[in-house]
C-alpha atoms as a PDB file:
ATOM      1  CA  UNK A   1      18.936 -17.184  14.099  1.00  0.00           C
ATOM      2  CA  UNK A   2      21.098 -20.214  13.384  1.00  0.00           C
ATOM      3  CA  UNK A   3      24.659 -20.735  14.545  1.00  0.00           C
ATOM      4  CA  UNK A   4      25.989 -21.722  11.109  1.00  0.00           C
ATOM      5  CA  UNK A   5      25.712 -18.286   9.441  1.00  0.00           C
ATOM      6  CA  UNK A   6      29.089 -17.181   8.082  1.00  0.00           C
ATOM      7  CA  UNK A   7      30.318 -13.943   6.484  1.00  0.00           C
ATOM      8  CA  UNK A   8      30.049 -14.063   2.678  1.00  0.00           C
ATOM      9  CA  UNK A   9      33.064 -14.945   0.557  1.00  0.00           C
ATOM     10  CA  UNK A  10      32.768 -11.532  -1.129  1.00  0.00           C
ATOM     11  CA  UNK A  11      33.113  -9.822   2.232  1.00  0.00           C
ATOM     12  CA  UNK A  12      35.879 -12.156   3.420  1.00  0.00           C
ATOM     13  CA  UNK A  13      37.882 -11.259   0.287  1.00  0.00           C
ATOM     14  CA  UNK A  14      38.145  -7.685   1.610  1.00  0.00           C
ATOM     15  CA  UNK A  15      40.376  -8.970   4.430  1.00  0.00           C
ATOM     16  CA  UNK A  16      43.231  -7.786   2.193  1.00  0.00           C
ATOM     17  CA  UNK A  17      42.313  -4.206   3.176  1.00  0.00           C
ATOM     18  CA  UNK A  18      42.865  -4.715   6.928  1.00  0.00           C
ATOM     19  CA  UNK A  19      45.363  -2.196   8.291  1.00  0.00           C
ATOM     20  CA  UNK A  20      46.268   1.456   7.898  1.00  0.00           C
ATOM     21  CA  UNK A  21      46.883   2.979   4.484  1.00  0.00           C
ATOM     22  CA  UNK A  22      48.429   6.288   3.386  1.00  0.00           C
ATOM     23  CA  UNK A  23      46.337   7.720   0.544  1.00  0.00           C
ATOM     24  CA  UNK A  24      47.808  10.015  -2.122  1.00  0.00           C
ATOM     25  CA  UNK A  25      46.495  11.459  -5.364  1.00  0.00           C
ATOM     26  CA  UNK A  26      43.213  13.376  -5.645  1.00  0.00           C
ATOM     27  CA  UNK A  27      42.584  12.767  -1.937  1.00  0.00           C
ATOM     28  CA  UNK A  28      45.349  12.797   0.687  1.00  0.00           C
ATOM     29  CA  UNK A  29      45.428  11.333   4.184  1.00  0.00           C
ATOM     30  CA  UNK A  30      44.871   7.983   5.870  1.00  0.00           C
ATOM     31  CA  UNK A  31      42.272   5.260   5.977  1.00  0.00           C
ATOM     32  CA  UNK A  32      42.187   2.335   8.402  1.00  0.00           C
ATOM     33  CA  UNK A  33      40.246  -0.891   7.949  1.00  0.00           C
ATOM     34  CA  UNK A  34      39.357  -3.253  10.787  1.00  0.00           C
ATOM     35  CA  UNK A  35      36.893  -6.072  11.357  1.00  0.00           C
ATOM     36  CA  UNK A  36      34.007  -5.665  13.730  1.00  0.00           C
ATOM     37  CA  UNK A  37      33.681  -8.656  16.095  1.00  0.00           C
ATOM     38  CA  UNK A  38      32.292 -11.641  14.186  1.00  0.00           C
ATOM     39  CA  UNK A  39      33.772 -10.427  10.843  1.00  0.00           C
ATOM     40  CA  UNK A  40      30.323  -9.705   9.389  1.00  0.00           C
ATOM     41  CA  UNK A  41      31.221  -6.011   8.999  1.00  0.00           C
ATOM     42  CA  UNK A  42      34.382  -4.251   7.915  1.00  0.00           C
ATOM     43  CA  UNK A  43      34.891  -0.759   9.347  1.00  0.00           C
ATOM     44  CA  UNK A  44      36.809   1.923   7.465  1.00  0.00           C
ATOM     45  CA  UNK A  45      37.979   4.976   9.420  1.00  0.00           C
ATOM     46  CA  UNK A  46      38.617   7.874   7.040  1.00  0.00           C
ATOM     47  CA  UNK A  47      40.596  11.088   7.429  1.00  0.00           C
ATOM     48  CA  UNK A  48      41.257  12.642   4.021  1.00  0.00           C
ATOM     49  CA  UNK A  49      41.587  16.040   2.397  1.00  0.00           C
ATOM     50  CA  UNK A  50      39.895  16.235  -1.016  1.00  0.00           C
ATOM     51  CA  UNK A  51      39.724  19.504  -2.973  1.00  0.00           C
ATOM     52  CA  UNK A  52      40.825  21.382   0.159  1.00  0.00           C
ATOM     53  CA  UNK A  53      37.991  19.886   2.222  1.00  0.00           C
ATOM     54  CA  UNK A  54      38.607  17.685   5.286  1.00  0.00           C
ATOM     55  CA  UNK A  55      36.619  14.450   5.182  1.00  0.00           C
ATOM     56  CA  UNK A  56      36.415  12.494   8.447  1.00  0.00           C
ATOM     57  CA  UNK A  57      34.111   9.568   8.856  1.00  0.00           C
ATOM     58  CA  UNK A  58      33.315   5.905   9.312  1.00  0.00           C
ATOM     59  CA  UNK A  59      32.203   3.418   6.685  1.00  0.00           C
ATOM     60  CA  UNK A  60      30.452   0.156   7.607  1.00  0.00           C
ATOM     61  CA  UNK A  61      30.883  -2.520   4.911  1.00  0.00           C
ATOM     62  CA  UNK A  62      28.994  -5.844   4.793  1.00  0.00           C
ATOM     63  CA  UNK A  63      26.056  -7.771   3.370  1.00  0.00           C
ATOM     64  CA  UNK A  64      22.596  -6.424   4.175  1.00  0.00           C
ATOM     65  CA  UNK A  65      20.557  -8.883   6.215  1.00  0.00           C
ATOM     66  CA  UNK A  66      17.117  -7.499   7.038  1.00  0.00           C
ATOM     67  CA  UNK A  67      15.455  -9.072  10.067  1.00  0.00           C
ATOM     68  CA  UNK A  68      14.279 -12.597   9.299  1.00  0.00           C
ATOM     69  CA  UNK A  69      15.737 -12.639   5.779  1.00  0.00           C
ATOM     70  CA  UNK A  70      18.879 -14.125   4.220  1.00  0.00           C
ATOM     71  CA  UNK A  71      21.888 -11.928   3.564  1.00  0.00           C
ATOM     72  CA  UNK A  72      21.943 -10.017   0.284  1.00  0.00           C
ATOM     73  CA  UNK A  73      24.422 -11.066  -2.394  1.00  0.00           C
ATOM     74  CA  UNK A  74      26.193  -7.698  -2.783  1.00  0.00           C
ATOM     75  CA  UNK A  75      28.760  -6.335  -0.343  1.00  0.00           C
ATOM     76  CA  UNK A  76      27.397  -2.875   0.399  1.00  0.00           C
ATOM     77  CA  UNK A  77      28.348  -0.014   2.674  1.00  0.00           C
ATOM     78  CA  UNK A  78      27.242   3.236   4.151  1.00  0.00           C
ATOM     79  CA  UNK A  79      29.729   6.018   4.871  1.00  0.00           C
ATOM     80  CA  UNK A  80      28.936   8.502   7.640  1.00  0.00           C
ATOM     81  CA  UNK A  81      30.932  11.727   7.805  1.00  0.00           C
ATOM     82  CA  UNK A  82      31.446  14.347  10.493  1.00  0.00           C
ATOM     83  CA  UNK A  83      29.177  16.785   8.634  1.00  0.00           C
ATOM     84  CA  UNK A  84      26.121  14.518   8.742  1.00  0.00           C
ATOM     85  CA  UNK A  85      26.346  13.138   5.207  1.00  0.00           C
ATOM     86  CA  UNK A  86      25.743   9.490   4.295  1.00  0.00           C
ATOM     87  CA  UNK A  87      26.990   7.832   1.120  1.00  0.00           C
ATOM     88  CA  UNK A  88      26.240   4.286  -0.080  1.00  0.00           C
ATOM     89  CA  UNK A  89      28.634   2.032  -2.012  1.00  0.00           C
ATOM     90  CA  UNK A  90      28.888  -1.509  -3.423  1.00  0.00           C
ATOM     91  CA  UNK A  91      32.226  -3.372  -3.183  1.00  0.00           C
ATOM     92  CA  UNK A  92      33.573  -6.178  -5.350  1.00  0.00           C
ATOM     93  CA  UNK A  93      37.042  -7.747  -5.270  1.00  0.00           C
ATOM     94  CA  UNK A  94      37.912 -10.144  -8.101  1.00  0.00           C
ATOM     95  CA  UNK A  95      41.520 -11.308  -8.292  1.00  0.00           C
ATOM     96  CA  UNK A  96      43.648  -8.178  -7.893  1.00  0.00           C
ATOM     97  CA  UNK A  97      40.873  -5.792  -9.023  1.00  0.00           C
ATOM     98  CA  UNK A  98      38.853  -3.840  -6.442  1.00  0.00           C
ATOM     99  CA  UNK A  99      35.746  -2.072  -7.745  1.00  0.00           C
ATOM    100  CA  UNK A 100      33.648   0.282  -5.620  1.00  0.00           C
ATOM    101  CA  UNK A 101      30.465   1.701  -7.125  1.00  0.00           C
ATOM    102  CA  UNK A 102      28.829   4.853  -5.737  1.00  0.00           C
ATOM    103  CA  UNK A 103      25.219   4.095  -4.841  1.00  0.00           C
ATOM    104  CA  UNK A 104      24.558   0.879  -6.763  1.00  0.00           C
ATOM    105  CA  UNK A 105      26.389  -1.813  -8.711  1.00  0.00           C
ATOM    106  CA  UNK A 106      26.947  -0.583 -12.264  1.00  0.00           C
ATOM    107  CA  UNK A 107      26.745   3.091 -11.252  1.00  0.00           C
ATOM    108  CA  UNK A 108      28.508   5.643 -13.480  1.00  0.00           C
ATOM    109  CA  UNK A 109      30.360   6.802 -10.325  1.00  0.00           C
ATOM    110  CA  UNK A 110      32.960   4.161  -9.458  1.00  0.00           C
ATOM    111  CA  UNK A 111      36.489   3.342  -8.362  1.00  0.00           C
ATOM    112  CA  UNK A 112      38.689   0.656  -9.909  1.00  0.00           C
ATOM    113  CA  UNK A 113      41.965  -0.207  -8.221  1.00  0.00           C
ATOM    114  CA  UNK A 114      44.508  -2.981  -8.416  1.00  0.00           C
ATOM    115  CA  UNK A 115      46.486  -4.601  -5.618  1.00  0.00           C
ATOM    116  CA  UNK A 116      50.240  -4.992  -6.160  1.00  0.00           C
ATOM    117  CA  UNK A 117      53.510  -5.478  -4.286  1.00  0.00           C
ATOM    118  CA  UNK A 118      52.167  -8.356  -2.154  1.00  0.00           C
ATOM    119  CA  UNK A 119      49.075  -6.322  -1.173  1.00  0.00           C
ATOM    120  CA  UNK A 120      51.130  -3.335   0.032  1.00  0.00           C
ATOM    121  CA  UNK A 121      49.886  -0.984  -2.715  1.00  0.00           C
ATOM    122  CA  UNK A 122      46.520  -0.327  -4.351  1.00  0.00           C
ATOM    123  CA  UNK A 123      46.598   1.965  -7.398  1.00  0.00           C
ATOM    124  CA  UNK A 124      43.325   3.141  -8.866  1.00  0.00           C
ATOM    125  CA  UNK A 125      41.060   5.853 -10.130  1.00  0.00           C
ATOM    126  CA  UNK A 126      37.670   7.289  -9.225  1.00  0.00           C
ATOM    127  CA  UNK A 127      35.463   8.031 -12.237  1.00  0.00           C
ATOM    128  CA  UNK A 128      32.469  10.352 -12.013  1.00  0.00           C
ATOM    129  CA  UNK A 129      29.643  10.950 -14.503  1.00  0.00           C
ATOM    130  CA  UNK A 130      30.495  13.685 -16.969  1.00  0.00           C
ATOM    131  CA  UNK A 131      34.211  12.859 -17.078  1.00  0.00           C
ATOM    132  CA  UNK A 132      35.333  13.889 -13.597  1.00  0.00           C
ATOM    133  CA  UNK A 133      37.381  11.853 -11.180  1.00  0.00           C
ATOM    134  CA  UNK A 134      40.899  11.443  -9.827  1.00  0.00           C
ATOM    135  CA  UNK A 135      43.702   8.955  -9.364  1.00  0.00           C
ATOM    136  CA  UNK A 136      44.401   7.427  -5.976  1.00  0.00           C
ATOM    137  CA  UNK A 137      47.213   5.352  -4.512  1.00  0.00           C
ATOM    138  CA  UNK A 138      47.001   3.587  -1.152  1.00  0.00           C
ATOM    139  CA  UNK A 139      50.221   2.368   0.481  1.00  0.00           C
ATOM    140  CA  UNK A 140      50.066   0.150   3.557  1.00  0.00           C
ATOM    141  CA  UNK A 141      51.846   1.713   6.552  1.00  0.00           C
END
């Protein structure tokens, strides 16, 4: 391994998420983002209630780098919840627009949000196949 490996610019862009956020809308509660040492992985701690169901878990966000290979281009994640479920996502932040796809980039399950108020608010909406989904607002606390 070489000493000049750096986190990707796509991952570094997510630095805007660092901190604790109050979530309202279709899911209610808090999420907290923090960097793991080295800033190659962003950790999201989740405690939300969605459709009357408590969701507690940890999401690890970064670029995949299989042993002996270069890092992948996409910023991906895996969410682990307290009930043993795992969910995969792909993140992309362009300008003020944050897109999170469920499973793979281009998936019909996705979130699109927009940063505003000097990065204190992110308003968005989850869209699910078949027309489902919900709105979501995150406010930095």
